[in-house]
Amino acid sequence: MKEEQVREVTENVIQTLLKKNADYGGASFDLGLNGNMVHLWDKIKRYRTMVENKNKGIEPNFESIEDTLKDILGYSIIGLLILNDENLPK
């Protein structure tokens, strides 16, 4: 693993996350950490199913494993932002 590779992947995730946030209007933040946990849980379950299917030679109908992993990173970033916001003095 090289720093350049990590930066390329994370920059791509950042750009996708910002675009999706613009499309969804920040809806991922509305339900706090509990909502974020549900989003992550759904994506992780999807990732598991996709990997199991790939091992059986079954291709996904819609989003790819790569897309799913990027979404997991995106939701993790959103979770950190929610957590940081909750920890700010009110």
PDB file of N, CA and C in Angstrom:
ATOM      1  N   MET A   1       0.860  -1.167   0.000  1.00  0.00           N
ATOM      2  CA  MET A   1       0.000   0.000   0.000  1.00  0.00           C
ATOM      3  C   MET A   1       0.907   1.231   0.000  1.00  0.00           C
ATOM      4  N   LYS A   2       0.577   2.142  -0.886  1.00  0.00           N
ATOM      5  CA  LYS A   2       1.348   3.378  -0.992  1.00  0.00           C
ATOM      6  C   LYS A   2       0.443   4.556  -0.664  1.00  0.00           C
ATOM      7  N   GLU A   3       1.036   5.606  -0.130  1.00  0.00           N
ATOM      8  CA  GLU A   3       0.270   6.794   0.238  1.00  0.00           C
ATOM      9  C   GLU A   3      -0.517   7.344  -0.950  1.00  0.00           C
ATOM     10  N   GLU A   4       0.086   7.345  -2.119  1.00  0.00           N
ATOM     11  CA  GLU A   4      -0.576   7.861  -3.316  1.00  0.00           C
ATOM     12  C   GLU A   4      -1.860   7.074  -3.616  1.00  0.00           C
ATOM     13  N   GLN A   5      -1.804   5.756  -3.459  1.00  0.00           N
ATOM     14  CA  GLN A   5      -2.985   4.916  -3.690  1.00  0.00           C
ATOM     15  C   GLN A   5      -4.093   5.246  -2.690  1.00  0.00           C
ATOM     16  N   VAL A   6      -3.698   5.415  -1.435  1.00  0.00           N
ATOM     17  CA  VAL A   6      -4.670   5.721  -0.386  1.00  0.00           C
ATOM     18  C   VAL A   6      -5.309   7.082  -0.650  1.00  0.00           C
ATOM     19  N   ARG A   7      -4.500   8.051  -1.017  1.00  0.00           N
ATOM     20  CA  ARG A   7      -5.023   9.391  -1.310  1.00  0.00           C
ATOM     21  C   ARG A   7      -5.969   9.371  -2.513  1.00  0.00           C
ATOM     22  N   GLU A   8      -5.656   8.575  -3.523  1.00  0.00           N
ATOM     23  CA  GLU A   8      -6.514   8.480  -4.704  1.00  0.00           C
ATOM     24  C   GLU A   8      -7.885   7.912  -4.339  1.00  0.00           C
ATOM     25  N   VAL A   9      -7.876   6.846  -3.562  1.00  0.00           N
ATOM     26  CA  VAL A   9      -9.138   6.226  -3.145  1.00  0.00           C
ATOM     27  C   VAL A   9      -9.937   7.189  -2.266  1.00  0.00           C
ATOM     28  N   THR A  10      -9.277   7.783  -1.278  1.00  0.00           N
ATOM     29  CA  THR A  10     -10.011   8.655  -0.365  1.00  0.00           C
ATOM     30  C   THR A  10     -10.504   9.916  -1.061  1.00  0.00           C
ATOM     31  N   GLU A  11      -9.744  10.454  -1.983  1.00  0.00           N
ATOM     32  CA  GLU A  11     -10.202  11.640  -2.713  1.00  0.00           C
ATOM     33  C   GLU A  11     -11.444  11.312  -3.539  1.00  0.00           C
ATOM     34  N   ASN A  12     -11.453  10.137  -4.148  1.00  0.00           N
ATOM     35  CA  ASN A  12     -12.625   9.708  -4.905  1.00  0.00           C
ATOM     36  C   ASN A  12     -13.839   9.569  -3.994  1.00  0.00           C
ATOM     37  N   VAL A  13     -13.647   8.995  -2.815  1.00  0.00           N
ATOM     38  CA  VAL A  13     -14.738   8.831  -1.853  1.00  0.00           C
ATOM     39  C   VAL A  13     -15.228  10.201  -1.386  1.00  0.00           C
ATOM     40  N   ILE A  14     -14.318  11.120  -1.129  1.00  0.00           N
ATOM     41  CA  ILE A  14     -14.692  12.467  -0.691  1.00  0.00           C
ATOM     42  C   ILE A  14     -15.571  13.143  -1.743  1.00  0.00           C
ATOM     43  N   GLN A  15     -15.158  13.086  -3.000  1.00  0.00           N
ATOM     44  CA  GLN A  15     -15.924  13.730  -4.066  1.00  0.00           C
ATOM     45  C   GLN A  15     -17.314  13.102  -4.215  1.00  0.00           C
ATOM     46  N   THR A  16     -17.377  11.780  -4.155  1.00  0.00           N
ATOM     47  CA  THR A  16     -18.665  11.091  -4.241  1.00  0.00           C
ATOM     48  C   THR A  16     -19.550  11.462  -3.057  1.00  0.00           C
ATOM     49  N   LEU A  17     -18.979  11.483  -1.868  1.00  0.00           N
ATOM     50  CA  LEU A  17     -19.725  11.815  -0.652  1.00  0.00           C
ATOM     51  C   LEU A  17     -20.298  13.225  -0.731  1.00  0.00           C
ATOM     52  N   LEU A  18     -19.513  14.173  -1.180  1.00  0.00           N
ATOM     53  CA  LEU A  18     -19.985  15.558  -1.298  1.00  0.00           C
ATOM     54  C   LEU A  18     -21.110  15.677  -2.323  1.00  0.00           C
ATOM     55  N   LYS A  19     -20.979  14.973  -3.442  1.00  0.00           N
ATOM     56  CA  LYS A  19     -22.023  15.008  -4.474  1.00  0.00           C
ATOM     57  C   LYS A  19     -23.312  14.360  -3.970  1.00  0.00           C
ATOM     58  N   LYS A  20     -23.187  13.213  -3.301  1.00  0.00           N
ATOM     59  CA  LYS A  20     -24.379  12.543  -2.775  1.00  0.00           C
ATOM     60  C   LYS A  20     -25.043  13.393  -1.698  1.00  0.00           C
ATOM     61  N   ASN A  21     -24.234  14.031  -0.859  1.00  0.00           N
ATOM     62  CA  ASN A  21     -24.788  14.891   0.190  1.00  0.00           C
ATOM     63  C   ASN A  21     -25.571  16.045  -0.434  1.00  0.00           C
ATOM     64  N   ALA A  22     -25.065  16.592  -1.537  1.00  0.00           N
ATOM     65  CA  ALA A  22     -25.788  17.658  -2.239  1.00  0.00           C
ATOM     66  C   ALA A  22     -27.112  17.130  -2.789  1.00  0.00           C
ATOM     67  N   ASP A  23     -27.109  15.926  -3.334  1.00  0.00           N
ATOM     68  CA  ASP A  23     -28.326  15.332  -3.881  1.00  0.00           C
ATOM     69  C   ASP A  23     -29.349  15.005  -2.798  1.00  0.00           C
ATOM     70  N   TYR A  24     -28.867  14.474  -1.662  1.00  0.00           N
ATOM     71  CA  TYR A  24     -29.767  14.033  -0.595  1.00  0.00           C
ATOM     72  C   TYR A  24     -30.068  15.137   0.415  1.00  0.00           C
ATOM     73  N   GLY A  25     -29.389  16.272   0.298  1.00  0.00           N
ATOM     74  CA  GLY A  25     -29.653  17.378   1.212  1.00  0.00           C
ATOM     75  C   GLY A  25     -29.266  17.096   2.646  1.00  0.00           C
ATOM     76  N   GLY A  26     -28.227  16.321   2.860  1.00  0.00           N
ATOM     77  CA  GLY A  26     -27.757  16.053   4.215  1.00  0.00           C
ATOM     78  C   GLY A  26     -28.616  15.077   5.005  1.00  0.00           C
ATOM     79  N   ALA A  27     -29.467  14.315   4.337  1.00  0.00           N
ATOM     80  CA  ALA A  27     -30.378  13.390   5.025  1.00  0.00           C
ATOM     81  C   ALA A  27     -29.631  12.364   5.881  1.00  0.00           C
ATOM     82  N   SER A  28     -28.403  12.062   5.530  1.00  0.00           N
ATOM     83  CA  SER A  28     -27.642  11.061   6.292  1.00  0.00           C
ATOM     84  C   SER A  28     -27.341  11.517   7.710  1.00  0.00           C
ATOM     85  N   PHE A  29     -27.491  12.807   7.964  1.00  0.00           N
ATOM     86  CA  PHE A  29     -27.200  13.342   9.295  1.00  0.00           C
ATOM     87  C   PHE A  29     -28.446  13.427  10.171  1.00  0.00           C
ATOM     88  N   ASP A  30     -29.619  13.311   9.572  1.00  0.00           N
ATOM     89  CA  ASP A  30     -30.867  13.589  10.275  1.00  0.00           C
ATOM     90  C   ASP A  30     -31.133  12.684  11.468  1.00  0.00           C
ATOM     91  N   LEU A  31     -30.733  11.438  11.404  1.00  0.00           N
ATOM     92  CA  LEU A  31     -31.049  10.490  12.479  1.00  0.00           C
ATOM     93  C   LEU A  31     -29.864  10.189  13.390  1.00  0.00           C
ATOM     94  N   GLY A  32     -28.816  11.001  13.290  1.00  0.00           N
ATOM     95  CA  GLY A  32     -27.681  10.866  14.191  1.00  0.00           C
ATOM     96  C   GLY A  32     -26.935   9.548  14.035  1.00  0.00           C
ATOM     97  N   LEU A  33     -26.264   9.168  15.117  1.00  0.00           N
ATOM     98  CA  LEU A  33     -25.445   7.951  15.083  1.00  0.00           C
ATOM     99  C   LEU A  33     -26.286   6.697  14.876  1.00  0.00           C
ATOM    100  N   ASN A  34     -27.512   6.674  15.419  1.00  0.00           N
ATOM    101  CA  ASN A  34     -28.359   5.489  15.235  1.00  0.00           C
ATOM    102  C   ASN A  34     -28.695   5.280  13.766  1.00  0.00           C
ATOM    103  N   GLY A  35     -29.071   6.352  13.075  1.00  0.00           N
ATOM    104  CA  GLY A  35     -29.365   6.249  11.650  1.00  0.00           C
ATOM    105  C   GLY A  35     -28.143   5.868  10.852  1.00  0.00           C
ATOM    106  N   ASN A  36     -27.005   6.443  11.236  1.00  0.00           N
ATOM    107  CA  ASN A  36     -25.750   6.134  10.561  1.00  0.00           C
ATOM    108  C   ASN A  36     -25.397   4.663  10.723  1.00  0.00           C
ATOM    109  N   MET A  37     -25.638   4.134  11.931  1.00  0.00           N
ATOM    110  CA  MET A  37     -25.355   2.724  12.192  1.00  0.00           C
ATOM    111  C   MET A  37     -26.212   1.838  11.282  1.00  0.00           C
ATOM    112  N   VAL A  38     -27.470   2.207  11.080  1.00  0.00           N
ATOM    113  CA  VAL A  38     -28.355   1.430  10.218  1.00  0.00           C
ATOM    114  C   VAL A  38     -27.844   1.460   8.778  1.00  0.00           C
ATOM    115  N   HIS A  39     -27.451   2.645   8.297  1.00  0.00           N
ATOM    116  CA  HIS A  39     -26.904   2.745   6.940  1.00  0.00           C
ATOM    117  C   HIS A  39     -25.671   1.850   6.785  1.00  0.00           C
ATOM    118  N   LEU A  40     -24.772   1.914   7.761  1.00  0.00           N
ATOM    119  CA  LEU A  40     -23.562   1.081   7.702  1.00  0.00           C
ATOM    120  C   LEU A  40     -23.914  -0.402   7.751  1.00  0.00           C
ATOM    121  N   TRP A  41     -24.844  -0.760   8.622  1.00  0.00           N
ATOM    122  CA  TRP A  41     -25.248  -2.157   8.754  1.00  0.00           C
ATOM    123  C   TRP A  41     -25.780  -2.687   7.423  1.00  0.00           C
ATOM    124  N   ASP A  42     -26.635  -1.891   6.773  1.00  0.00           N
ATOM    125  CA  ASP A  42     -27.183  -2.299   5.478  1.00  0.00           C
ATOM    126  C   ASP A  42     -26.076  -2.511   4.454  1.00  0.00           C
ATOM    127  N   LYS A  43     -25.127  -1.590   4.407  1.00  0.00           N
ATOM    128  CA  LYS A  43     -24.033  -1.686   3.427  1.00  0.00           C
ATOM    129  C   LYS A  43     -23.125  -2.872   3.732  1.00  0.00           C
ATOM    130  N   ILE A  44     -22.860  -3.109   4.996  1.00  0.00           N
ATOM    131  CA  ILE A  44     -21.980  -4.223   5.362  1.00  0.00           C
ATOM    132  C   ILE A  44     -22.664  -5.563   5.049  1.00  0.00           C
ATOM    133  N   LYS A  45     -23.966  -5.639   5.309  1.00  0.00           N
ATOM    134  CA  LYS A  45     -24.705  -6.859   4.947  1.00  0.00           C
ATOM    135  C   LYS A  45     -24.684  -7.048   3.426  1.00  0.00           C
ATOM    136  N   ARG A  46     -24.844  -5.940   2.688  1.00  0.00           N
ATOM    137  CA  ARG A  46     -24.800  -6.012   1.228  1.00  0.00           C
ATOM    138  C   ARG A  46     -23.413  -6.478   0.776  1.00  0.00           C
ATOM    139  N   TYR A  47     -22.376  -5.926   1.388  1.00  0.00           N
ATOM    140  CA  TYR A  47     -21.005  -6.306   1.045  1.00  0.00           C
ATOM    141  C   TYR A  47     -20.803  -7.807   1.270  1.00  0.00           C
ATOM    142  N   ARG A  48     -21.268  -8.291   2.399  1.00  0.00           N
ATOM    143  CA  ARG A  48     -21.129  -9.725   2.701  1.00  0.00           C
ATOM    144  C   ARG A  48     -21.814 -10.572   1.635  1.00  0.00           C
ATOM    145  N   THR A  49     -23.055 -10.208   1.298  1.00  0.00           N
ATOM    146  CA  THR A  49     -23.807 -10.944   0.285  1.00  0.00           C
ATOM    147  C   THR A  49     -23.094 -10.897  -1.063  1.00  0.00           C
ATOM    148  N   MET A  50     -22.583  -9.721  -1.417  1.00  0.00           N
ATOM    149  CA  MET A  50     -21.904  -9.570  -2.710  1.00  0.00           C
ATOM    150  C   MET A  50     -20.636 -10.420  -2.786  1.00  0.00           C
ATOM    151  N   VAL A  51     -19.884 -10.467  -1.698  1.00  0.00           N
ATOM    152  CA  VAL A  51     -18.662 -11.282  -1.678  1.00  0.00           C
ATOM    153  C   VAL A  51     -19.030 -12.760  -1.746  1.00  0.00           C
ATOM    154  N   GLU A  52     -20.034 -13.159  -0.985  1.00  0.00           N
ATOM    155  CA  GLU A  52     -20.472 -14.559  -1.033  1.00  0.00           C
ATOM    156  C   GLU A  52     -20.938 -14.926  -2.439  1.00  0.00           C
ATOM    157  N   ASN A  53     -21.703 -14.015  -3.069  1.00  0.00           N
ATOM    158  CA  ASN A  53     -22.165 -14.275  -4.431  1.00  0.00           C
ATOM    159  C   ASN A  53     -21.012 -14.311  -5.421  1.00  0.00           C
ATOM    160  N   LYS A  54     -20.057 -13.416  -5.255  1.00  0.00           N
ATOM    161  CA  LYS A  54     -18.882 -13.397  -6.147  1.00  0.00           C
ATOM    162  C   LYS A  54     -18.149 -14.733  -6.069  1.00  0.00           C
ATOM    163  N   ASN A  55     -18.026 -15.265  -4.867  1.00  0.00           N
ATOM    164  CA  ASN A  55     -17.366 -16.561  -4.684  1.00  0.00           C
ATOM    165  C   ASN A  55     -18.114 -17.692  -5.392  1.00  0.00           C
ATOM    166  N   LYS A  56     -19.418 -17.490  -5.633  1.00  0.00           N
ATOM    167  CA  LYS A  56     -20.239 -18.472  -6.343  1.00  0.00           C
ATOM    168  C   LYS A  56     -20.342 -18.148  -7.832  1.00  0.00           C
ATOM    169  N   GLY A  57     -19.685 -17.059  -8.258  1.00  0.00           N
ATOM    170  CA  GLY A  57     -19.734 -16.660  -9.661  1.00  0.00           C
ATOM    171  C   GLY A  57     -20.964 -15.855 -10.039  1.00  0.00           C
ATOM    172  N   ILE A  58     -21.665 -15.316  -9.047  1.00  0.00           N
ATOM    173  CA  ILE A  58     -22.877 -14.527  -9.295  1.00  0.00           C
ATOM    174  C   ILE A  58     -22.508 -13.043  -9.284  1.00  0.00           C
ATOM    175  N   GLU A  59     -22.854 -12.361 -10.371  1.00  0.00           N
ATOM    176  CA  GLU A  59     -22.568 -10.930 -10.480  1.00  0.00           C
ATOM    177  C   GLU A  59     -23.745 -10.108  -9.954  1.00  0.00           C
ATOM    178  N   PRO A  60     -23.462  -8.935  -9.366  1.00  0.00           N
ATOM    179  CA  PRO A  60     -24.553  -8.094  -8.867  1.00  0.00           C
ATOM    180  C   PRO A  60     -25.366  -7.484 -10.006  1.00  0.00           C
ATOM    181  N   ASN A  61     -26.611  -7.152  -9.719  1.00  0.00           N
ATOM    182  CA  ASN A  61     -27.487  -6.524 -10.703  1.00  0.00           C
ATOM    183  C   ASN A  61     -27.269  -5.018 -10.793  1.00  0.00           C
ATOM    184  N   PHE A  62     -26.876  -4.398  -9.699  1.00  0.00           N
ATOM    185  CA  PHE A  62     -26.787  -2.950  -9.671  1.00  0.00           C
ATOM    186  C   PHE A  62     -25.392  -2.506  -9.261  1.00  0.00           C
ATOM    187  N   GLU A  63     -25.248  -1.974  -8.059  1.00  0.00           N
ATOM    188  CA  GLU A  63     -23.955  -1.423  -7.666  1.00  0.00           C
ATOM    189  C   GLU A  63     -22.908  -2.519  -7.493  1.00  0.00           C
ATOM    190  N   SER A  64     -21.666  -2.130  -7.704  1.00  0.00           N
ATOM    191  CA  SER A  64     -20.552  -3.077  -7.621  1.00  0.00           C
ATOM    192  C   SER A  64     -20.030  -3.190  -6.191  1.00  0.00           C
ATOM    193  N   ILE A  65     -19.163  -4.163  -5.970  1.00  0.00           N
ATOM    194  CA  ILE A  65     -18.495  -4.291  -4.675  1.00  0.00           C
ATOM    195  C   ILE A  65     -17.698  -3.020  -4.392  1.00  0.00           C
ATOM    196  N   GLU A  66     -17.062  -2.479  -5.412  1.00  0.00           N
ATOM    197  CA  GLU A  66     -16.298  -1.240  -5.243  1.00  0.00           C
ATOM    198  C   GLU A  66     -17.208  -0.101  -4.770  1.00  0.00           C
ATOM    199  N   ASP A  67     -18.359   0.045  -5.398  1.00  0.00           N
ATOM    200  CA  ASP A  67     -19.310   1.085  -4.980  1.00  0.00           C
ATOM    201  C   ASP A  67     -19.739   0.889  -3.530  1.00  0.00           C
ATOM    202  N   THR A  68     -19.996  -0.350  -3.158  1.00  0.00           N
ATOM    203  CA  THR A  68     -20.439  -0.657  -1.800  1.00  0.00           C
ATOM    204  C   THR A  68     -19.355  -0.310  -0.788  1.00  0.00           C
ATOM    205  N   LEU A  69     -18.105  -0.658  -1.090  1.00  0.00           N
ATOM    206  CA  LEU A  69     -17.006  -0.322  -0.182  1.00  0.00           C
ATOM    207  C   LEU A  69     -16.835   1.190  -0.057  1.00  0.00           C
ATOM    208  N   LYS A  70     -17.000   1.902  -1.161  1.00  0.00           N
ATOM    209  CA  LYS A  70     -16.912   3.367  -1.108  1.00  0.00           C
ATOM    210  C   LYS A  70     -18.040   3.945  -0.248  1.00  0.00           C
ATOM    211  N   ASP A  71     -19.230   3.370  -0.361  1.00  0.00           N
ATOM    212  CA  ASP A  71     -20.340   3.823   0.478  1.00  0.00           C
ATOM    213  C   ASP A  71     -20.062   3.568   1.958  1.00  0.00           C
ATOM    214  N   ILE A  72     -19.449   2.426   2.267  1.00  0.00           N
ATOM    215  CA  ILE A  72     -19.090   2.118   3.655  1.00  0.00           C
ATOM    216  C   ILE A  72     -18.117   3.171   4.182  1.00  0.00           C
ATOM    217  N   LEU A  73     -17.131   3.531   3.369  1.00  0.00           N
ATOM    218  CA  LEU A  73     -16.210   4.598   3.774  1.00  0.00           C
ATOM    219  C   LEU A  73     -16.956   5.912   3.963  1.00  0.00           C
ATOM    220  N   GLY A  74     -17.845   6.227   3.033  1.00  0.00           N
ATOM    221  CA  GLY A  74     -18.611   7.465   3.128  1.00  0.00           C
ATOM    222  C   GLY A  74     -19.446   7.525   4.390  1.00  0.00           C
ATOM    223  N   TYR A  75     -20.166   6.455   4.689  1.00  0.00           N
ATOM    224  CA  TYR A  75     -20.974   6.432   5.908  1.00  0.00           C
ATOM    225  C   TYR A  75     -20.103   6.470   7.161  1.00  0.00           C
ATOM    226  N   SER A  76     -18.913   5.905   7.100  1.00  0.00           N
ATOM    227  CA  SER A  76     -17.990   5.992   8.231  1.00  0.00           C
ATOM    228  C   SER A  76     -17.555   7.437   8.462  1.00  0.00           C
ATOM    229  N   ILE A  77     -17.274   8.145   7.382  1.00  0.00           N
ATOM    230  CA  ILE A  77     -16.917   9.563   7.498  1.00  0.00           C
ATOM    231  C   ILE A  77     -18.085  10.350   8.081  1.00  0.00           C
ATOM    232  N   ILE A  78     -19.293  10.096   7.585  1.00  0.00           N
ATOM    233  CA  ILE A  78     -20.473  10.776   8.119  1.00  0.00           C
ATOM    234  C   ILE A  78     -20.617  10.481   9.614  1.00  0.00           C
ATOM    235  N   GLY A  79     -20.401   9.221  10.012  1.00  0.00           N
ATOM    236  CA  GLY A  79     -20.471   8.865  11.429  1.00  0.00           C
ATOM    237  C   GLY A  79     -19.483   9.648  12.266  1.00  0.00           C
ATOM    238  N   LEU A  80     -18.271   9.805  11.768  1.00  0.00           N
ATOM    239  CA  LEU A  80     -17.266  10.587  12.496  1.00  0.00           C
ATOM    240  C   LEU A  80     -17.682  12.053  12.604  1.00  0.00           C
ATOM    241  N   LEU A  81     -18.263  12.595  11.537  1.00  0.00           N
ATOM    242  CA  LEU A  81     -18.731  13.983  11.572  1.00  0.00           C
ATOM    243  C   LEU A  81     -19.869  14.157  12.574  1.00  0.00           C
ATOM    244  N   ILE A  82     -20.790  13.198  12.588  1.00  0.00           N
ATOM    245  CA  ILE A  82     -21.891  13.247  13.562  1.00  0.00           C
ATOM    246  C   ILE A  82     -21.325  13.169  14.969  1.00  0.00           C
ATOM    247  N   LEU A  83     -20.415  12.243  15.193  1.00  0.00           N
ATOM    248  CA  LEU A  83     -19.812  12.068  16.520  1.00  0.00           C
ATOM    249  C   LEU A  83     -19.094  13.332  16.954  1.00  0.00           C
ATOM    250  N   ASN A  84     -18.322  13.918  16.057  1.00  0.00           N
ATOM    251  CA  ASN A  84     -17.608  15.158  16.390  1.00  0.00           C
ATOM    252  C   ASN A  84     -18.582  16.274  16.722  1.00  0.00           C
ATOM    253  N   ASP A  85     -19.680  16.363  15.973  1.00  0.00           N
ATOM    254  CA  ASP A  85     -20.683  17.396  16.214  1.00  0.00           C
ATOM    255  C   ASP A  85     -21.353  17.196  17.564  1.00  0.00           C
ATOM    256  N   GLU A  86     -21.642  15.940  17.912  1.00  0.00           N
ATOM    257  CA  GLU A  86     -22.279  15.645  19.194  1.00  0.00           C
ATOM    258  C   GLU A  86     -21.349  15.950  20.364  1.00  0.00           C
ATOM    259  N   ASN A  87     -20.039  15.889  20.129  1.00  0.00           N
ATOM    260  CA  ASN A  87     -19.073  16.130  21.194  1.00  0.00           C
ATOM    261  C   ASN A  87     -18.706  17.601  21.354  1.00  0.00           C
ATOM    262  N   LEU A  88     -19.188  18.442  20.432  1.00  0.00           N
ATOM    263  CA  LEU A  88     -18.923  19.871  20.551  1.00  0.00           C
ATOM    264  C   LEU A  88     -19.737  20.451  21.696  1.00  0.00           C
ATOM    265  N   PRO A  89     -19.154  21.405  22.407  1.00  0.00           N
ATOM    266  CA  PRO A  89     -19.936  22.050  23.480  1.00  0.00           C
ATOM    267  C   PRO A  89     -21.145  22.775  22.887  1.00  0.00           C
ATOM    268  N   LYS A  90     -22.271  22.655  23.541  1.00  0.00           N
ATOM    269  CA  LYS A  90     -23.506  23.296  23.061  1.00  0.00           C
ATOM    270  C   LYS A  90     -23.680  24.660  23.691  1.00  0.00           C
TER     271      LYS A  90
END
